[in-house]
PDB file of all heavy atoms in Angstrom:
ATOM      1  N   LEU A   1     -18.191  43.088  -6.578  1.00  0.00           N
ATOM      2  CA  LEU A   1     -17.408  43.699  -7.654  1.00  0.00           C
ATOM      3  C   LEU A   1     -17.488  42.889  -8.943  1.00  0.00           C
ATOM      4  O   LEU A   1     -16.855  43.241  -9.941  1.00  0.00           O
ATOM      5  CB  LEU A   1     -15.945  43.849  -7.223  1.00  0.00           C
ATOM      6  CG  LEU A   1     -15.706  44.907  -6.135  1.00  0.00           C
ATOM      7  CD1 LEU A   1     -14.308  44.748  -5.540  1.00  0.00           C
ATOM      8  CD2 LEU A   1     -15.886  46.309  -6.699  1.00  0.00           C
ATOM      9  N   ASP A   2     -18.240  41.790  -8.901  1.00  0.00           N
ATOM     10  CA  ASP A   2     -18.500  40.957 -10.081  1.00  0.00           C
ATOM     11  C   ASP A   2     -17.227  40.322 -10.636  1.00  0.00           C
ATOM     12  O   ASP A   2     -17.008  40.300 -11.853  1.00  0.00           O
ATOM     13  CB  ASP A   2     -19.201  41.779 -11.177  1.00  0.00           C
ATOM     14  CG  ASP A   2     -19.907  40.896 -12.204  1.00  0.00           C
ATOM     15  OD1 ASP A   2     -20.282  39.765 -11.848  1.00  0.00           O
ATOM     16  OD2 ASP A   2     -20.071  41.344 -13.356  1.00  0.00           O
ATOM     17  N   LEU A   3     -16.408  39.780  -9.745  1.00  0.00           N
ATOM     18  CA  LEU A   3     -15.207  39.080 -10.194  1.00  0.00           C
ATOM     19  C   LEU A   3     -15.604  37.869 -11.017  1.00  0.00           C
ATOM     20  O   LEU A   3     -16.436  37.068 -10.607  1.00  0.00           O
ATOM     21  CB  LEU A   3     -14.370  38.646  -8.992  1.00  0.00           C
ATOM     22  CG  LEU A   3     -12.984  38.111  -9.349  1.00  0.00           C
ATOM     23  CD1 LEU A   3     -12.039  39.256  -9.669  1.00  0.00           C
ATOM     24  CD2 LEU A   3     -12.409  37.254  -8.217  1.00  0.00           C
ATOM     25  N   LYS A   4     -14.981  37.729 -12.183  1.00  0.00           N
ATOM     26  CA  LYS A   4     -15.291  36.647 -13.114  1.00  0.00           C
ATOM     27  C   LYS A   4     -14.126  35.657 -13.186  1.00  0.00           C
ATOM     28  O   LYS A   4     -12.977  36.012 -12.898  1.00  0.00           O
ATOM     29  CB  LYS A   4     -15.551  37.221 -14.508  1.00  0.00           C
ATOM     30  CG  LYS A   4     -16.802  38.084 -14.614  1.00  0.00           C
ATOM     31  CD  LYS A   4     -18.058  37.239 -14.601  1.00  0.00           C
ATOM     32  CE  LYS A   4     -19.273  37.973 -15.142  1.00  0.00           C
ATOM     33  NZ  LYS A   4     -19.663  39.149 -14.361  1.00  0.00           N
ATOM     34  N   PRO A   5     -14.399  34.402 -13.591  1.00  0.00           N
ATOM     35  CA  PRO A   5     -13.308  33.446 -13.787  1.00  0.00           C
ATOM     36  C   PRO A   5     -12.250  34.009 -14.748  1.00  0.00           C
ATOM     37  O   PRO A   5     -12.589  34.569 -15.797  1.00  0.00           O
ATOM     38  CB  PRO A   5     -14.019  32.231 -14.398  1.00  0.00           C
ATOM     39  CG  PRO A   5     -15.409  32.307 -13.845  1.00  0.00           C
ATOM     40  CD  PRO A   5     -15.725  33.781 -13.799  1.00  0.00           C
ATOM     41  N   GLY A   6     -11.007  33.880 -14.362  1.00  0.00           N
ATOM     42  CA  GLY A   6      -9.901  34.393 -15.166  1.00  0.00           C
ATOM     43  C   GLY A   6      -9.482  35.805 -14.805  1.00  0.00           C
ATOM     44  O   GLY A   6      -8.388  36.246 -15.191  1.00  0.00           O
ATOM     45  N   ASP A   7     -10.325  36.535 -14.068  1.00  0.00           N
ATOM     46  CA  ASP A   7      -9.931  37.870 -13.617  1.00  0.00           C
ATOM     47  C   ASP A   7      -8.797  37.763 -12.602  1.00  0.00           C
ATOM     48  O   ASP A   7      -8.772  36.836 -11.782  1.00  0.00           O
ATOM     49  CB  ASP A   7     -11.109  38.606 -12.970  1.00  0.00           C
ATOM     50  CG  ASP A   7     -12.150  39.061 -13.975  1.00  0.00           C
ATOM     51  OD1 ASP A   7     -11.862  39.030 -15.182  1.00  0.00           O
ATOM     52  OD2 ASP A   7     -13.249  39.457 -13.545  1.00  0.00           O
ATOM     53  N   GLU A   8      -7.907  38.724 -12.635  1.00  0.00           N
ATOM     54  CA  GLU A   8      -6.753  38.706 -11.746  1.00  0.00           C
ATOM     55  C   GLU A   8      -6.946  39.681 -10.573  1.00  0.00           C
ATOM     56  O   GLU A   8      -7.458  40.788 -10.763  1.00  0.00           O
ATOM     57  CB  GLU A   8      -5.485  39.078 -12.515  1.00  0.00           C
ATOM     58  CG  GLU A   8      -5.140  38.084 -13.608  1.00  0.00           C
ATOM     59  CD  GLU A   8      -3.984  38.517 -14.486  1.00  0.00           C
ATOM     60  OE1 GLU A   8      -3.502  39.658 -14.318  1.00  0.00           O
ATOM     61  OE2 GLU A   8      -3.557  37.717 -15.351  1.00  0.00           O
ATOM     62  N   VAL A   9      -6.517  39.241  -9.410  1.00  0.00           N
ATOM     63  CA  VAL A   9      -6.529  40.093  -8.220  1.00  0.00           C
ATOM     64  C   VAL A   9      -5.124  40.108  -7.645  1.00  0.00           C
ATOM     65  O   VAL A   9      -4.563  39.050  -7.327  1.00  0.00           O
ATOM     66  CB  VAL A   9      -7.526  39.581  -7.160  1.00  0.00           C
ATOM     67  CG1 VAL A   9      -7.485  40.483  -5.924  1.00  0.00           C
ATOM     68  CG2 VAL A   9      -8.937  39.519  -7.734  1.00  0.00           C
ATOM     69  N   ILE A  10      -4.553  41.291  -7.527  1.00  0.00           N
ATOM     70  CA  ILE A  10      -3.200  41.417  -6.997  1.00  0.00           C
ATOM     71  C   ILE A  10      -3.253  41.458  -5.480  1.00  0.00           C
ATOM     72  O   ILE A  10      -3.992  42.252  -4.891  1.00  0.00           O
ATOM     73  CB  ILE A  10      -2.520  42.694  -7.547  1.00  0.00           C
ATOM     74  CG1 ILE A  10      -2.358  42.577  -9.066  1.00  0.00           C
ATOM     75  CG2 ILE A  10      -1.170  42.928  -6.871  1.00  0.00           C
ATOM     76  CD1 ILE A  10      -1.854  43.845  -9.723  1.00  0.00           C
ATOM     77  N   THR A  11      -2.465  40.592  -4.859  1.00  0.00           N
ATOM     78  CA  THR A  11      -2.426  40.552  -3.395  1.00  0.00           C
ATOM     79  C   THR A  11      -1.050  40.071  -2.955  1.00  0.00           C
ATOM     80  O   THR A  11      -0.107  40.025  -3.746  1.00  0.00           O
ATOM     81  CB  THR A  11      -3.577  39.679  -2.838  1.00  0.00           C
ATOM     82  OG1 THR A  11      -3.631  39.836  -1.424  1.00  0.00           O
ATOM     83  CG2 THR A  11      -3.420  38.220  -3.213  1.00  0.00           C
ATOM     84  N   THR A  12      -0.930  39.717  -1.694  1.00  0.00           N
ATOM     85  CA  THR A  12       0.345  39.320  -1.111  1.00  0.00           C
ATOM     86  C   THR A  12       0.413  37.812  -0.900  1.00  0.00           C
ATOM     87  O   THR A  12      -0.603  37.184  -0.587  1.00  0.00           O
ATOM     88  CB  THR A  12       0.548  40.040   0.239  1.00  0.00           C
ATOM     89  OG1 THR A  12       1.659  39.465   0.938  1.00  0.00           O
ATOM     90  CG2 THR A  12      -0.680  39.908   1.123  1.00  0.00           C
ATOM     91  N   PRO A  13       1.595  37.223  -1.032  1.00  0.00           N
ATOM     92  CA  PRO A  13       1.730  35.801  -0.728  1.00  0.00           C
ATOM     93  C   PRO A  13       1.844  35.529   0.766  1.00  0.00           C
ATOM     94  O   PRO A  13       1.687  34.390   1.200  1.00  0.00           O
ATOM     95  CB  PRO A  13       3.029  35.404  -1.434  1.00  0.00           C
ATOM     96  CG  PRO A  13       3.842  36.659  -1.465  1.00  0.00           C
ATOM     97  CD  PRO A  13       2.851  37.790  -1.593  1.00  0.00           C
ATOM     98  N   PHE A  14       2.090  36.590   1.562  1.00  0.00           N
ATOM     99  CA  PHE A  14       2.346  36.405   2.994  1.00  0.00           C
ATOM    100  C   PHE A  14       1.113  36.832   3.771  1.00  0.00           C
ATOM    101  O   PHE A  14       0.974  37.977   4.209  1.00  0.00           O
ATOM    102  CB  PHE A  14       3.570  37.217   3.409  1.00  0.00           C
ATOM    103  CG  PHE A  14       4.132  36.788   4.741  1.00  0.00           C
ATOM    104  CD1 PHE A  14       4.671  35.516   4.901  1.00  0.00           C
ATOM    105  CD2 PHE A  14       4.113  37.636   5.823  1.00  0.00           C
ATOM    106  CE1 PHE A  14       5.181  35.105   6.122  1.00  0.00           C
ATOM    107  CE2 PHE A  14       4.620  37.238   7.053  1.00  0.00           C
ATOM    108  CZ  PHE A  14       5.158  35.971   7.205  1.00  0.00           C
ATOM    109  N   THR A  15       0.184  35.892   3.924  1.00  0.00           N
ATOM    110  CA  THR A  15      -1.118  36.166   4.524  1.00  0.00           C
ATOM    111  C   THR A  15      -1.769  34.852   4.900  1.00  0.00           C
ATOM    112  O   THR A  15      -1.271  33.766   4.546  1.00  0.00           O
ATOM    113  CB  THR A  15      -2.013  36.931   3.528  1.00  0.00           C
ATOM    114  OG1 THR A  15      -3.271  37.237   4.140  1.00  0.00           O
ATOM    115  CG2 THR A  15      -2.270  36.125   2.261  1.00  0.00           C
ATOM    116  N   PHE A  16      -2.884  34.936   5.628  1.00  0.00           N
ATOM    117  CA  PHE A  16      -3.681  33.747   5.880  1.00  0.00           C
ATOM    118  C   PHE A  16      -4.358  33.313   4.577  1.00  0.00           C
ATOM    119  O   PHE A  16      -4.658  34.143   3.711  1.00  0.00           O
ATOM    120  CB  PHE A  16      -4.729  34.042   6.959  1.00  0.00           C
ATOM    121  CG  PHE A  16      -5.574  32.861   7.315  1.00  0.00           C
ATOM    122  CD1 PHE A  16      -5.007  31.710   7.838  1.00  0.00           C
ATOM    123  CD2 PHE A  16      -6.949  32.883   7.110  1.00  0.00           C
ATOM    124  CE1 PHE A  16      -5.786  30.609   8.166  1.00  0.00           C
ATOM    125  CE2 PHE A  16      -7.736  31.790   7.433  1.00  0.00           C
ATOM    126  CZ  PHE A  16      -7.158  30.650   7.960  1.00  0.00           C
ATOM    127  N   ALA A  17      -4.631  32.033   4.465  1.00  0.00           N
ATOM    128  CA  ALA A  17      -5.129  31.459   3.209  1.00  0.00           C
ATOM    129  C   ALA A  17      -6.403  32.111   2.708  1.00  0.00           C
ATOM    130  O   ALA A  17      -6.650  32.148   1.491  1.00  0.00           O
ATOM    131  CB  ALA A  17      -5.347  29.964   3.376  1.00  0.00           C
ATOM    132  N   ALA A  18      -7.240  32.643   3.606  1.00  0.00           N
ATOM    133  CA  ALA A  18      -8.536  33.201   3.185  1.00  0.00           C
ATOM    134  C   ALA A  18      -8.380  34.279   2.122  1.00  0.00           C
ATOM    135  O   ALA A  18      -9.230  34.407   1.239  1.00  0.00           O
ATOM    136  CB  ALA A  18      -9.274  33.766   4.393  1.00  0.00           C
ATOM    137  N   THR A  19      -7.309  35.055   2.184  1.00  0.00           N
ATOM    138  CA  THR A  19      -7.102  36.139   1.222  1.00  0.00           C
ATOM    139  C   THR A  19      -7.082  35.601  -0.201  1.00  0.00           C
ATOM    140  O   THR A  19      -7.699  36.167  -1.114  1.00  0.00           O
ATOM    141  CB  THR A  19      -5.787  36.878   1.522  1.00  0.00           C
ATOM    142  OG1 THR A  19      -5.754  37.264   2.897  1.00  0.00           O
ATOM    143  CG2 THR A  19      -5.624  38.096   0.641  1.00  0.00           C
ATOM    144  N   VAL A  20      -6.352  34.517  -0.396  1.00  0.00           N
ATOM    145  CA  VAL A  20      -6.217  33.913  -1.723  1.00  0.00           C
ATOM    146  C   VAL A  20      -7.380  32.957  -2.001  1.00  0.00           C
ATOM    147  O   VAL A  20      -7.839  32.822  -3.136  1.00  0.00           O
ATOM    148  CB  VAL A  20      -4.861  33.186  -1.824  1.00  0.00           C
ATOM    149  CG1 VAL A  20      -4.759  32.373  -3.102  1.00  0.00           C
ATOM    150  CG2 VAL A  20      -3.714  34.193  -1.744  1.00  0.00           C
ATOM    151  N   GLU A  21      -7.857  32.321  -0.969  1.00  0.00           N
ATOM    152  CA  GLU A  21      -8.943  31.342  -1.096  1.00  0.00           C
ATOM    153  C   GLU A  21     -10.173  31.926  -1.789  1.00  0.00           C
ATOM    154  O   GLU A  21     -10.761  31.302  -2.682  1.00  0.00           O
ATOM    155  CB  GLU A  21      -9.310  30.857   0.302  1.00  0.00           C
ATOM    156  CG  GLU A  21     -10.447  29.868   0.391  1.00  0.00           C
ATOM    157  CD  GLU A  21     -10.708  29.501   1.846  1.00  0.00           C
ATOM    158  OE1 GLU A  21     -10.898  30.415   2.678  1.00  0.00           O
ATOM    159  OE2 GLU A  21     -10.707  28.292   2.149  1.00  0.00           O
ATOM    160  N   VAL A  22     -10.584  33.138  -1.376  1.00  0.00           N
ATOM    161  CA  VAL A  22     -11.817  33.709  -1.931  1.00  0.00           C
ATOM    162  C   VAL A  22     -11.656  34.052  -3.407  1.00  0.00           C
ATOM    163  O   VAL A  22     -12.619  33.962  -4.185  1.00  0.00           O
ATOM    164  CB  VAL A  22     -12.255  34.958  -1.132  1.00  0.00           C
ATOM    165  CG1 VAL A  22     -12.672  34.557   0.278  1.00  0.00           C
ATOM    166  CG2 VAL A  22     -11.167  36.032  -1.076  1.00  0.00           C
ATOM    167  N   ILE A  23     -10.460  34.427  -3.810  1.00  0.00           N
ATOM    168  CA  ILE A  23     -10.202  34.690  -5.232  1.00  0.00           C
ATOM    169  C   ILE A  23     -10.359  33.391  -6.020  1.00  0.00           C
ATOM    170  O   ILE A  23     -11.031  33.341  -7.054  1.00  0.00           O
ATOM    171  CB  ILE A  23      -8.790  35.277  -5.424  1.00  0.00           C
ATOM    172  CG1 ILE A  23      -8.635  36.579  -4.645  1.00  0.00           C
ATOM    173  CG2 ILE A  23      -8.488  35.501  -6.914  1.00  0.00           C
ATOM    174  CD1 ILE A  23      -7.186  37.068  -4.544  1.00  0.00           C
ATOM    175  N   ALA A  24      -9.737  32.329  -5.507  1.00  0.00           N
ATOM    176  CA  ALA A  24      -9.787  31.038  -6.191  1.00  0.00           C
ATOM    177  C   ALA A  24     -11.205  30.481  -6.245  1.00  0.00           C
ATOM    178  O   ALA A  24     -11.611  29.878  -7.246  1.00  0.00           O
ATOM    179  CB  ALA A  24      -8.857  30.051  -5.489  1.00  0.00           C
ATOM    180  N   LEU A  25     -11.984  30.679  -5.177  1.00  0.00           N
ATOM    181  CA  LEU A  25     -13.353  30.157  -5.150  1.00  0.00           C
ATOM    182  C   LEU A  25     -14.207  30.747  -6.267  1.00  0.00           C
ATOM    183  O   LEU A  25     -15.135  30.089  -6.760  1.00  0.00           O
ATOM    184  CB  LEU A  25     -14.002  30.462  -3.799  1.00  0.00           C
ATOM    185  CG  LEU A  25     -13.596  29.561  -2.633  1.00  0.00           C
ATOM    186  CD1 LEU A  25     -14.131  30.110  -1.316  1.00  0.00           C
ATOM    187  CD2 LEU A  25     -14.089  28.128  -2.849  1.00  0.00           C
ATOM    188  N   LEU A  26     -13.905  31.965  -6.676  1.00  0.00           N
ATOM    189  CA  LEU A  26     -14.668  32.614  -7.746  1.00  0.00           C
ATOM    190  C   LEU A  26     -14.027  32.416  -9.120  1.00  0.00           C
ATOM    191  O   LEU A  26     -14.474  33.000 -10.103  1.00  0.00           O
ATOM    192  CB  LEU A  26     -14.808  34.110  -7.446  1.00  0.00           C
ATOM    193  CG  LEU A  26     -15.623  34.439  -6.185  1.00  0.00           C
ATOM    194  CD1 LEU A  26     -15.614  35.942  -5.914  1.00  0.00           C
ATOM    195  CD2 LEU A  26     -17.058  33.940  -6.308  1.00  0.00           C
ATOM    196  N   GLY A  27     -12.992  31.600  -9.174  1.00  0.00           N
ATOM    197  CA  GLY A  27     -12.334  31.322 -10.443  1.00  0.00           C
ATOM    198  C   GLY A  27     -11.327  32.373 -10.843  1.00  0.00           C
ATOM    199  O   GLY A  27     -10.833  32.363 -11.976  1.00  0.00           O
ATOM    200  N   GLY A  28     -11.007  33.279  -9.930  1.00  0.00           N
ATOM    201  CA  GLY A  28     -10.033  34.316 -10.229  1.00  0.00           C
ATOM    202  C   GLY A  28      -8.605  33.812 -10.111  1.00  0.00           C
ATOM    203  O   GLY A  28      -8.348  32.688  -9.666  1.00  0.00           O
ATOM    204  N   VAL A  29      -7.674  34.657 -10.515  1.00  0.00           N
ATOM    205  CA  VAL A  29      -6.257  34.317 -10.483  1.00  0.00           C
ATOM    206  C   VAL A  29      -5.567  35.204  -9.448  1.00  0.00           C
ATOM    207  O   VAL A  29      -5.489  36.423  -9.635  1.00  0.00           O
ATOM    208  CB  VAL A  29      -5.600  34.517 -11.863  1.00  0.00           C
ATOM    209  CG1 VAL A  29      -4.111  34.187 -11.808  1.00  0.00           C
ATOM    210  CG2 VAL A  29      -6.303  33.665 -12.922  1.00  0.00           C
ATOM    211  N   PRO A  30      -5.045  34.641  -8.368  1.00  0.00           N
ATOM    212  CA  PRO A  30      -4.279  35.440  -7.422  1.00  0.00           C
ATOM    213  C   PRO A  30      -2.911  35.784  -8.019  1.00  0.00           C
ATOM    214  O   PRO A  30      -2.161  34.895  -8.422  1.00  0.00           O
ATOM    215  CB  PRO A  30      -4.132  34.521  -6.205  1.00  0.00           C
ATOM    216  CG  PRO A  30      -5.100  33.395  -6.422  1.00  0.00           C
ATOM    217  CD  PRO A  30      -5.235  33.256  -7.908  1.00  0.00           C
ATOM    218  N   VAL A  31      -2.613  37.073  -8.085  1.00  0.00           N
ATOM    219  CA  VAL A  31      -1.317  37.544  -8.556  1.00  0.00           C
ATOM    220  C   VAL A  31      -0.574  38.074  -7.337  1.00  0.00           C
ATOM    221  O   VAL A  31      -0.999  39.058  -6.720  1.00  0.00           O
ATOM    222  CB  VAL A  31      -1.480  38.635  -9.630  1.00  0.00           C
ATOM    223  CG1 VAL A  31      -0.117  39.165 -10.074  1.00  0.00           C
ATOM    224  CG2 VAL A  31      -2.258  38.087 -10.827  1.00  0.00           C
ATOM    225  N   LEU A  32       0.510  37.413  -6.969  1.00  0.00           N
ATOM    226  CA  LEU A  32       1.157  37.657  -5.687  1.00  0.00           C
ATOM    227  C   LEU A  32       2.392  38.535  -5.842  1.00  0.00           C
ATOM    228  O   LEU A  32       3.323  38.196  -6.574  1.00  0.00           O
ATOM    229  CB  LEU A  32       1.543  36.322  -5.040  1.00  0.00           C
ATOM    230  CG  LEU A  32       0.403  35.304  -4.926  1.00  0.00           C
ATOM    231  CD1 LEU A  32       0.903  34.036  -4.244  1.00  0.00           C
ATOM    232  CD2 LEU A  32      -0.785  35.885  -4.166  1.00  0.00           C
ATOM    233  N   VAL A  33       2.380  39.664  -5.134  1.00  0.00           N
ATOM    234  CA  VAL A  33       3.494  40.620  -5.133  1.00  0.00           C
ATOM    235  C   VAL A  33       4.183  40.528  -3.780  1.00  0.00           C
ATOM    236  O   VAL A  33       3.527  40.520  -2.735  1.00  0.00           O
ATOM    237  CB  VAL A  33       2.976  42.051  -5.395  1.00  0.00           C
ATOM    238  CG1 VAL A  33       4.083  43.075  -5.191  1.00  0.00           C
ATOM    239  CG2 VAL A  33       2.413  42.155  -6.803  1.00  0.00           C
ATOM    240  N   ASP A  34       5.496  40.491  -3.791  1.00  0.00           N
ATOM    241  CA  ASP A  34       6.258  40.245  -2.571  1.00  0.00           C
ATOM    242  C   ASP A  34       6.116  41.371  -1.547  1.00  0.00           C
ATOM    243  O   ASP A  34       5.553  42.435  -1.830  1.00  0.00           O
ATOM    244  CB  ASP A  34       7.738  40.026  -2.904  1.00  0.00           C
ATOM    245  CG  ASP A  34       8.406  39.028  -1.956  1.00  0.00           C
ATOM    246  OD1 ASP A  34       7.796  38.664  -0.937  1.00  0.00           O
ATOM    247  OD2 ASP A  34       9.550  38.617  -2.253  1.00  0.00           O
ATOM    248  N   ILE A  35       6.645  41.139  -0.364  1.00  0.00           N
ATOM    249  CA  ILE A  35       6.416  41.988   0.798  1.00  0.00           C
ATOM    250  C   ILE A  35       7.598  42.907   1.102  1.00  0.00           C
ATOM    251  O   ILE A  35       8.705  42.713   0.601  1.00  0.00           O
ATOM    252  CB  ILE A  35       6.126  41.129   2.045  1.00  0.00           C
ATOM    253  CG1 ILE A  35       7.306  40.188   2.336  1.00  0.00           C
ATOM    254  CG2 ILE A  35       4.837  40.350   1.851  1.00  0.00           C
ATOM    255  CD1 ILE A  35       7.201  39.414   3.639  1.00  0.00           C
ATOM    256  N   GLU A  36       7.341  43.893   1.952  1.00  0.00           N
ATOM    257  CA  GLU A  36       8.403  44.706   2.535  1.00  0.00           C
ATOM    258  C   GLU A  36       9.077  43.880   3.627  1.00  0.00           C
ATOM    259  O   GLU A  36       8.396  43.251   4.432  1.00  0.00           O
ATOM    260  CB  GLU A  36       7.830  45.984   3.146  1.00  0.00           C
ATOM    261  CG  GLU A  36       7.122  46.877   2.142  1.00  0.00           C
ATOM    262  CD  GLU A  36       6.341  47.996   2.810  1.00  0.00           C
ATOM    263  OE1 GLU A  36       5.918  47.820   3.983  1.00  0.00           O
ATOM    264  OE2 GLU A  36       6.136  49.034   2.160  1.00  0.00           O
ATOM    265  N   PRO A  37      10.394  43.892   3.703  1.00  0.00           N
ATOM    266  CA  PRO A  37      11.061  43.017   4.675  1.00  0.00           C
ATOM    267  C   PRO A  37      10.872  43.430   6.126  1.00  0.00           C
ATOM    268  O   PRO A  37      10.980  42.594   7.023  1.00  0.00           O
ATOM    269  CB  PRO A  37      12.542  43.121   4.271  1.00  0.00           C
ATOM    270  CG  PRO A  37      12.656  44.426   3.552  1.00  0.00           C
ATOM    271  CD  PRO A  37      11.353  44.612   2.841  1.00  0.00           C
ATOM    272  N   ASP A  38      10.542  44.695   6.365  1.00  0.00           N
ATOM    273  CA  ASP A  38      10.447  45.148   7.757  1.00  0.00           C
ATOM    274  C   ASP A  38       9.024  45.168   8.301  1.00  0.00           C
ATOM    275  O   ASP A  38       8.812  45.031   9.502  1.00  0.00           O
ATOM    276  CB  ASP A  38      11.079  46.536   7.917  1.00  0.00           C
ATOM    277  CG  ASP A  38      10.432  47.583   7.034  1.00  0.00           C
ATOM    278  OD1 ASP A  38       9.820  47.206   6.006  1.00  0.00           O
ATOM    279  OD2 ASP A  38      10.549  48.783   7.352  1.00  0.00           O
ATOM    280  N   THR A  39       8.008  45.320   7.439  1.00  0.00           N
ATOM    281  CA  THR A  39       6.620  45.330   7.899  1.00  0.00           C
ATOM    282  C   THR A  39       5.878  44.035   7.547  1.00  0.00           C
ATOM    283  O   THR A  39       4.854  43.725   8.158  1.00  0.00           O
ATOM    284  CB  THR A  39       5.824  46.486   7.270  1.00  0.00           C
ATOM    285  OG1 THR A  39       5.664  46.233   5.866  1.00  0.00           O
ATOM    286  CG2 THR A  39       6.520  47.827   7.493  1.00  0.00           C
ATOM    287  N   CYS A  40       6.372  43.313   6.562  1.00  0.00           N
ATOM    288  CA  CYS A  40       5.733  42.111   6.009  1.00  0.00           C
ATOM    289  C   CYS A  40       4.443  42.430   5.252  1.00  0.00           C
ATOM    290  O   CYS A  40       3.709  41.514   4.865  1.00  0.00           O
ATOM    291  CB  CYS A  40       5.475  41.060   7.077  1.00  0.00           C
ATOM    292  SG  CYS A  40       6.983  40.258   7.664  1.00  0.00           S
ATOM    293  N   ASN A  41       4.142  43.711   5.040  1.00  0.00           N
ATOM    294  CA  ASN A  41       3.015  44.095   4.189  1.00  0.00           C
ATOM    295  C   ASN A  41       3.436  44.077   2.723  1.00  0.00           C
ATOM    296  O   ASN A  41       4.633  44.167   2.400  1.00  0.00           O
ATOM    297  CB  ASN A  41       2.517  45.493   4.556  1.00  0.00           C
ATOM    298  CG  ASN A  41       1.531  45.475   5.711  1.00  0.00           C
ATOM    299  OD1 ASN A  41       0.763  44.530   5.855  1.00  0.00           O
ATOM    300  ND2 ASN A  41       1.541  46.510   6.529  1.00  0.00           N
ATOM    301  N   ILE A  42       2.458  44.009   1.840  1.00  0.00           N
ATOM    302  CA  ILE A  42       2.734  44.029   0.409  1.00  0.00           C
ATOM    303  C   ILE A  42       3.559  45.261   0.051  1.00  0.00           C
ATOM    304  O   ILE A  42       3.346  46.346   0.591  1.00  0.00           O
ATOM    305  CB  ILE A  42       1.415  43.995  -0.402  1.00  0.00           C
ATOM    306  CG1 ILE A  42       1.682  43.759  -1.889  1.00  0.00           C
ATOM    307  CG2 ILE A  42       0.569  45.234  -0.153  1.00  0.00           C
ATOM    308  CD1 ILE A  42       0.408  43.474  -2.697  1.00  0.00           C
ATOM    309  N   ASP A  43       4.539  45.088  -0.839  1.00  0.00           N
ATOM    310  CA  ASP A  43       5.407  46.196  -1.253  1.00  0.00           C
ATOM    311  C   ASP A  43       4.743  46.916  -2.428  1.00  0.00           C
ATOM    312  O   ASP A  43       4.736  46.419  -3.558  1.00  0.00           O
ATOM    313  CB  ASP A  43       6.775  45.656  -1.652  1.00  0.00           C
ATOM    314  CG  ASP A  43       7.826  46.751  -1.790  1.00  0.00           C
ATOM    315  OD1 ASP A  43       7.437  47.891  -2.139  1.00  0.00           O
ATOM    316  OD2 ASP A  43       9.014  46.485  -1.555  1.00  0.00           O
ATOM    317  N   ALA A  44       4.192  48.078  -2.140  1.00  0.00           N
ATOM    318  CA  ALA A  44       3.438  48.822  -3.158  1.00  0.00           C
ATOM    319  C   ALA A  44       4.285  49.179  -4.366  1.00  0.00           C
ATOM    320  O   ALA A  44       3.757  49.361  -5.465  1.00  0.00           O
ATOM    321  CB  ALA A  44       2.842  50.081  -2.539  1.00  0.00           C
ATOM    322  N   ARG A  45       5.595  49.261  -4.199  1.00  0.00           N
ATOM    323  CA  ARG A  45       6.472  49.646  -5.308  1.00  0.00           C
ATOM    324  C   ARG A  45       6.448  48.632  -6.447  1.00  0.00           C
ATOM    325  O   ARG A  45       6.807  48.966  -7.582  1.00  0.00           O
ATOM    326  CB  ARG A  45       7.910  49.811  -4.808  1.00  0.00           C
ATOM    327  CG  ARG A  45       8.102  50.939  -3.799  1.00  0.00           C
ATOM    328  CD  ARG A  45       9.488  50.902  -3.221  1.00  0.00           C
ATOM    329  NE  ARG A  45       9.760  49.629  -2.549  1.00  0.00           N
ATOM    330  CZ  ARG A  45      10.951  49.292  -2.051  1.00  0.00           C
ATOM    331  NH1 ARG A  45      11.979  50.128  -2.152  1.00  0.00           N
ATOM    332  NH2 ARG A  45      11.113  48.112  -1.460  1.00  0.00           N
ATOM    333  N   HIS A  46       6.043  47.402  -6.164  1.00  0.00           N
ATOM    334  CA  HIS A  46       6.081  46.344  -7.177  1.00  0.00           C
ATOM    335  C   HIS A  46       4.711  46.017  -7.760  1.00  0.00           C
ATOM    336  O   HIS A  46       4.593  45.140  -8.620  1.00  0.00           O
ATOM    337  CB  HIS A  46       6.690  45.079  -6.572  1.00  0.00           C
ATOM    338  CG  HIS A  46       8.063  45.276  -6.008  1.00  0.00           C
ATOM    339  ND1 HIS A  46       9.038  45.959  -6.684  1.00  0.00           N
ATOM    340  CD2 HIS A  46       8.611  44.891  -4.819  1.00  0.00           C
ATOM    341  CE1 HIS A  46      10.150  45.987  -5.947  1.00  0.00           C
ATOM    342  NE2 HIS A  46       9.906  45.359  -4.809  1.00  0.00           N
TER     343      HIS A  46
END
């Protein structure tokens, strides 16, 4: 997808490190949106 340094990727803070790691390795910025309390998946509403 040609992620460039400084590009932002929205994801969840509640995950294994690899999710955020790959963004950081390419110089991207992980933007973390909180989770649903009952499923622990990212809360799409936010």
